[in-house]
Amino acid sequence: MKEHCCDAWGSGKPLTLEREGGGVRLVLQNPRGVLKPNKENGDGHISKAEMEMALEFKRKSLEDQDAQRDAMRKMTWFALMGMLLYPFAIVLTSYLGMDEAANIVGDIAPTYFVAISALVAAFFGADALKKK
């Protein structure tokens, strides 16, 4: 015999009371909707295999998010170093007697700073929109 009722958190996920022999077993199906198990069998219960698969997908998702944060951090540091070292490149080329190169590098500077700033802003903006 099975009896269904709602959980205490109001998520609408059922709790199942199963009578086995002389005892009663409480089966909590996906508390708070944290995991999204595979629903191929459609029996309404989360099997051990489905729970393991859902946990594996959750772990992979967390690893992907961590890798994305690392990539954003590296890109930001690379852009910052480029913006900080660019003026030194102009000074260095001038110091080495490459005045024409210093002029060319100096002429490209405004475009470089705007392009790098726009690239970082677009990347962070797209990430922020994706999270909404």
C-alpha atoms as a PDB file:
ATOM      1  CA  MET A   1       0.000   0.000   0.000  1.00  0.00           C
ATOM      2  CA  LYS A   2       1.310   3.442  -0.882  1.00  0.00           C
ATOM      3  CA  GLU A   3       0.152   6.802   0.414  1.00  0.00           C
ATOM      4  CA  HIS A   4       1.255  10.078  -1.180  1.00  0.00           C
ATOM      5  CA  CYS A   5       1.441  13.528   0.414  1.00  0.00           C
ATOM      6  CA  CYS A   6       3.340  16.769  -0.172  1.00  0.00           C
ATOM      7  CA  ASP A   7       6.670  17.504   1.469  1.00  0.00           C
ATOM      8  CA  ALA A   8       7.136  20.156   4.177  1.00  0.00           C
ATOM      9  CA  TRP A   9       9.032  22.521   1.878  1.00  0.00           C
ATOM     10  CA  GLY A  10       6.082  23.099  -0.406  1.00  0.00           C
ATOM     11  CA  SER A  11       7.956  21.979  -3.511  1.00  0.00           C
ATOM     12  CA  GLY A  12       5.116  19.704  -4.583  1.00  0.00           C
ATOM     13  CA  LYS A  13       7.453  16.707  -4.618  1.00  0.00           C
ATOM     14  CA  PRO A  14       5.664  13.723  -3.088  1.00  0.00           C
ATOM     15  CA  LEU A  15       6.648  11.748  -0.066  1.00  0.00           C
ATOM     16  CA  THR A  16       5.717   8.129  -0.305  1.00  0.00           C
ATOM     17  CA  LEU A  17       4.898   5.911   2.650  1.00  0.00           C
ATOM     18  CA  GLU A  18       5.388   2.271   1.757  1.00  0.00           C
ATOM     19  CA  ARG A  19       4.273  -0.505   4.060  1.00  0.00           C
ATOM     20  CA  GLU A  20       6.587  -3.457   3.943  1.00  0.00           C
ATOM     21  CA  GLY A  21       5.861  -6.429   6.127  1.00  0.00           C
ATOM     22  CA  GLY A  22       5.288  -5.033   9.613  1.00  0.00           C
ATOM     23  CA  GLY A  23       6.978  -1.657   9.075  1.00  0.00           C
ATOM     24  CA  VAL A  24       6.541   1.579   7.207  1.00  0.00           C
ATOM     25  CA  ARG A  25       9.228   3.055   4.971  1.00  0.00           C
ATOM     26  CA  LEU A  26       9.307   6.758   4.004  1.00  0.00           C
ATOM     27  CA  VAL A  27      10.609   7.434   0.502  1.00  0.00           C
ATOM     28  CA  LEU A  28      11.519  11.076  -0.180  1.00  0.00           C
ATOM     29  CA  GLN A  29      11.534  11.703  -3.887  1.00  0.00           C
ATOM     30  CA  ASN A  30      13.970  14.429  -4.960  1.00  0.00           C
ATOM     31  CA  PRO A  31      13.824  16.808  -1.983  1.00  0.00           C
ATOM     32  CA  ARG A  32      13.466  20.462  -2.997  1.00  0.00           C
ATOM     33  CA  GLY A  33      13.860  19.529  -6.671  1.00  0.00           C
ATOM     34  CA  VAL A  34      17.651  19.791  -6.468  1.00  0.00           C
ATOM     35  CA  LEU A  35      18.379  16.852  -8.737  1.00  0.00           C
ATOM     36  CA  LYS A  36      16.660  16.182 -12.016  1.00  0.00           C
ATOM     37  CA  PRO A  37      16.884  12.425 -12.507  1.00  0.00           C
ATOM     38  CA  ASN A  38      16.293  10.614 -15.752  1.00  0.00           C
ATOM     39  CA  LYS A  39      12.565   9.931 -16.073  1.00  0.00           C
ATOM     40  CA  GLU A  40      12.736   7.175 -18.667  1.00  0.00           C
ATOM     41  CA  ASN A  41      11.056   4.498 -16.603  1.00  0.00           C
ATOM     42  CA  GLY A  42       8.239   6.817 -15.426  1.00  0.00           C
ATOM     43  CA  ASP A  43       7.580   4.931 -12.208  1.00  0.00           C
ATOM     44  CA  GLY A  44       7.693   8.097 -10.090  1.00  0.00           C
ATOM     45  CA  HIS A  45      10.552   6.835  -7.949  1.00  0.00           C
ATOM     46  CA  ILE A  46      14.204   7.720  -8.108  1.00  0.00           C
ATOM     47  CA  SER A  47      16.256   4.569  -8.379  1.00  0.00           C
ATOM     48  CA  LYS A  48      19.840   4.304  -7.200  1.00  0.00           C
ATOM     49  CA  ALA A  49      21.079   4.384 -10.794  1.00  0.00           C
ATOM     50  CA  GLU A  50      19.017   7.501 -11.547  1.00  0.00           C
ATOM     51  CA  MET A  51      20.329   9.212  -8.403  1.00  0.00           C
ATOM     52  CA  GLU A  52      23.933   8.370  -9.302  1.00  0.00           C
ATOM     53  CA  MET A  53      23.408   9.674 -12.846  1.00  0.00           C
ATOM     54  CA  ALA A  54      21.830  12.893 -11.547  1.00  0.00           C
ATOM     55  CA  LEU A  55      24.719  13.378  -9.099  1.00  0.00           C
ATOM     56  CA  GLU A  56      27.235  12.803 -11.911  1.00  0.00           C
ATOM     57  CA  PHE A  57      25.494  15.411 -14.107  1.00  0.00           C
ATOM     58  CA  LYS A  58      25.470  17.855 -11.180  1.00  0.00           C
ATOM     59  CA  ARG A  59      29.197  17.242 -10.562  1.00  0.00           C
ATOM     60  CA  LYS A  60      30.013  17.790 -14.255  1.00  0.00           C
ATOM     61  CA  SER A  61      27.968  20.984 -14.242  1.00  0.00           C
ATOM     62  CA  LEU A  62      29.883  22.294 -11.226  1.00  0.00           C
ATOM     63  CA  GLU A  63      33.204  21.411 -12.877  1.00  0.00           C
ATOM     64  CA  ASP A  64      32.162  23.244 -16.061  1.00  0.00           C
ATOM     65  CA  GLN A  65      31.169  26.329 -14.086  1.00  0.00           C
ATOM     66  CA  ASP A  66      34.504  26.244 -12.268  1.00  0.00           C
ATOM     67  CA  ALA A  67      36.401  25.963 -15.558  1.00  0.00           C
ATOM     68  CA  GLN A  68      34.433  28.911 -16.982  1.00  0.00           C
ATOM     69  CA  ARG A  69      35.277  31.060 -13.946  1.00  0.00           C
ATOM     70  CA  ASP A  70      38.950  30.120 -14.334  1.00  0.00           C
ATOM     71  CA  ALA A  71      38.858  31.051 -18.028  1.00  0.00           C
ATOM     72  CA  MET A  72      37.241  34.414 -17.227  1.00  0.00           C
ATOM     73  CA  ARG A  73      39.852  35.103 -14.554  1.00  0.00           C
ATOM     74  CA  LYS A  74      42.731  34.256 -16.909  1.00  0.00           C
ATOM     75  CA  MET A  75      41.271  36.383 -19.712  1.00  0.00           C
ATOM     76  CA  THR A  76      40.852  39.316 -17.350  1.00  0.00           C
ATOM     77  CA  TRP A  77      44.436  39.080 -16.083  1.00  0.00           C
ATOM     78  CA  PHE A  78      45.755  38.739 -19.654  1.00  0.00           C
ATOM     79  CA  ALA A  79      43.829  41.828 -20.749  1.00  0.00           C
ATOM     80  CA  LEU A  80      44.982  43.781 -17.696  1.00  0.00           C
ATOM     81  CA  MET A  81      48.638  42.852 -18.242  1.00  0.00           C
ATOM     82  CA  GLY A  82      48.367  43.821 -21.907  1.00  0.00           C
ATOM     83  CA  MET A  83      46.877  47.191 -21.036  1.00  0.00           C
ATOM     84  CA  LEU A  84      49.523  47.854 -18.389  1.00  0.00           C
ATOM     85  CA  LEU A  85      52.470  46.721 -20.500  1.00  0.00           C
ATOM     86  CA  TYR A  86      51.415  48.486 -23.712  1.00  0.00           C
ATOM     87  CA  PRO A  87      52.783  51.910 -22.637  1.00  0.00           C
ATOM     88  CA  PHE A  88      56.058  50.253 -21.661  1.00  0.00           C
ATOM     89  CA  ALA A  89      56.278  48.783 -25.176  1.00  0.00           C
ATOM     90  CA  ILE A  90      56.002  52.285 -26.618  1.00  0.00           C
ATOM     91  CA  VAL A  91      58.723  53.584 -24.292  1.00  0.00           C
ATOM     92  CA  LEU A  92      60.931  50.562 -25.028  1.00  0.00           C
ATOM     93  CA  THR A  93      60.704  50.957 -28.792  1.00  0.00           C
ATOM     94  CA  SER A  94      61.499  54.644 -28.460  1.00  0.00           C
ATOM     95  CA  TYR A  95      64.450  53.884 -26.144  1.00  0.00           C
ATOM     96  CA  LEU A  96      65.854  51.310 -28.598  1.00  0.00           C
ATOM     97  CA  GLY A  97      65.891  53.944 -31.338  1.00  0.00           C
ATOM     98  CA  MET A  98      62.929  52.579 -33.256  1.00  0.00           C
ATOM     99  CA  ASP A  99      61.098  55.870 -33.461  1.00  0.00           C
ATOM    100  CA  GLU A 100      58.940  54.823 -36.405  1.00  0.00           C
ATOM    101  CA  ALA A 101      57.866  51.673 -34.521  1.00  0.00           C
ATOM    102  CA  ALA A 102      57.138  53.769 -31.429  1.00  0.00           C
ATOM    103  CA  ASN A 103      54.912  56.047 -33.525  1.00  0.00           C
ATOM    104  CA  ILE A 104      53.049  53.087 -35.078  1.00  0.00           C
ATOM    105  CA  VAL A 105      52.558  51.355 -31.726  1.00  0.00           C
ATOM    106  CA  GLY A 106      51.443  54.671 -30.205  1.00  0.00           C
ATOM    107  CA  ASP A 107      48.951  55.238 -33.020  1.00  0.00           C
ATOM    108  CA  ILE A 108      47.408  51.802 -32.479  1.00  0.00           C
ATOM    109  CA  ALA A 109      47.047  52.317 -28.685  1.00  0.00           C
ATOM    110  CA  PRO A 110      43.541  53.855 -28.622  1.00  0.00           C
ATOM    111  CA  THR A 111      42.149  51.091 -30.828  1.00  0.00           C
ATOM    112  CA  TYR A 112      43.878  48.437 -28.724  1.00  0.00           C
ATOM    113  CA  PHE A 113      42.509  49.737 -25.412  1.00  0.00           C
ATOM    114  CA  VAL A 114      38.952  50.085 -26.752  1.00  0.00           C
ATOM    115  CA  ALA A 115      39.048  46.620 -28.357  1.00  0.00           C
ATOM    116  CA  ILE A 116      40.349  44.866 -25.240  1.00  0.00           C
ATOM    117  CA  SER A 117      37.858  46.694 -23.010  1.00  0.00           C
ATOM    118  CA  ALA A 118      34.976  45.815 -25.347  1.00  0.00           C
ATOM    119  CA  LEU A 119      36.062  42.168 -25.467  1.00  0.00           C
ATOM    120  CA  VAL A 120      36.144  41.835 -21.677  1.00  0.00           C
ATOM    121  CA  ALA A 121      32.847  43.728 -21.301  1.00  0.00           C
ATOM    122  CA  ALA A 122      31.119  41.573 -23.932  1.00  0.00           C
ATOM    123  CA  PHE A 123      32.339  38.357 -22.328  1.00  0.00           C
ATOM    124  CA  PHE A 124      31.220  39.360 -18.836  1.00  0.00           C
ATOM    125  CA  GLY A 125      27.958  40.812 -20.165  1.00  0.00           C
ATOM    126  CA  ALA A 126      27.098  37.621 -22.045  1.00  0.00           C
ATOM    127  CA  ASP A 127      27.854  35.599 -18.922  1.00  0.00           C
ATOM    128  CA  ALA A 128      25.603  37.835 -16.818  1.00  0.00           C
ATOM    129  CA  LEU A 129      22.740  37.513 -19.338  1.00  0.00           C
ATOM    130  CA  LYS A 130      23.166  33.752 -19.452  1.00  0.00           C
ATOM    131  CA  LYS A 131      22.758  33.533 -15.661  1.00  0.00           C
ATOM    132  CA  LYS A 132      19.369  35.326 -15.719  1.00  0.00           C
END
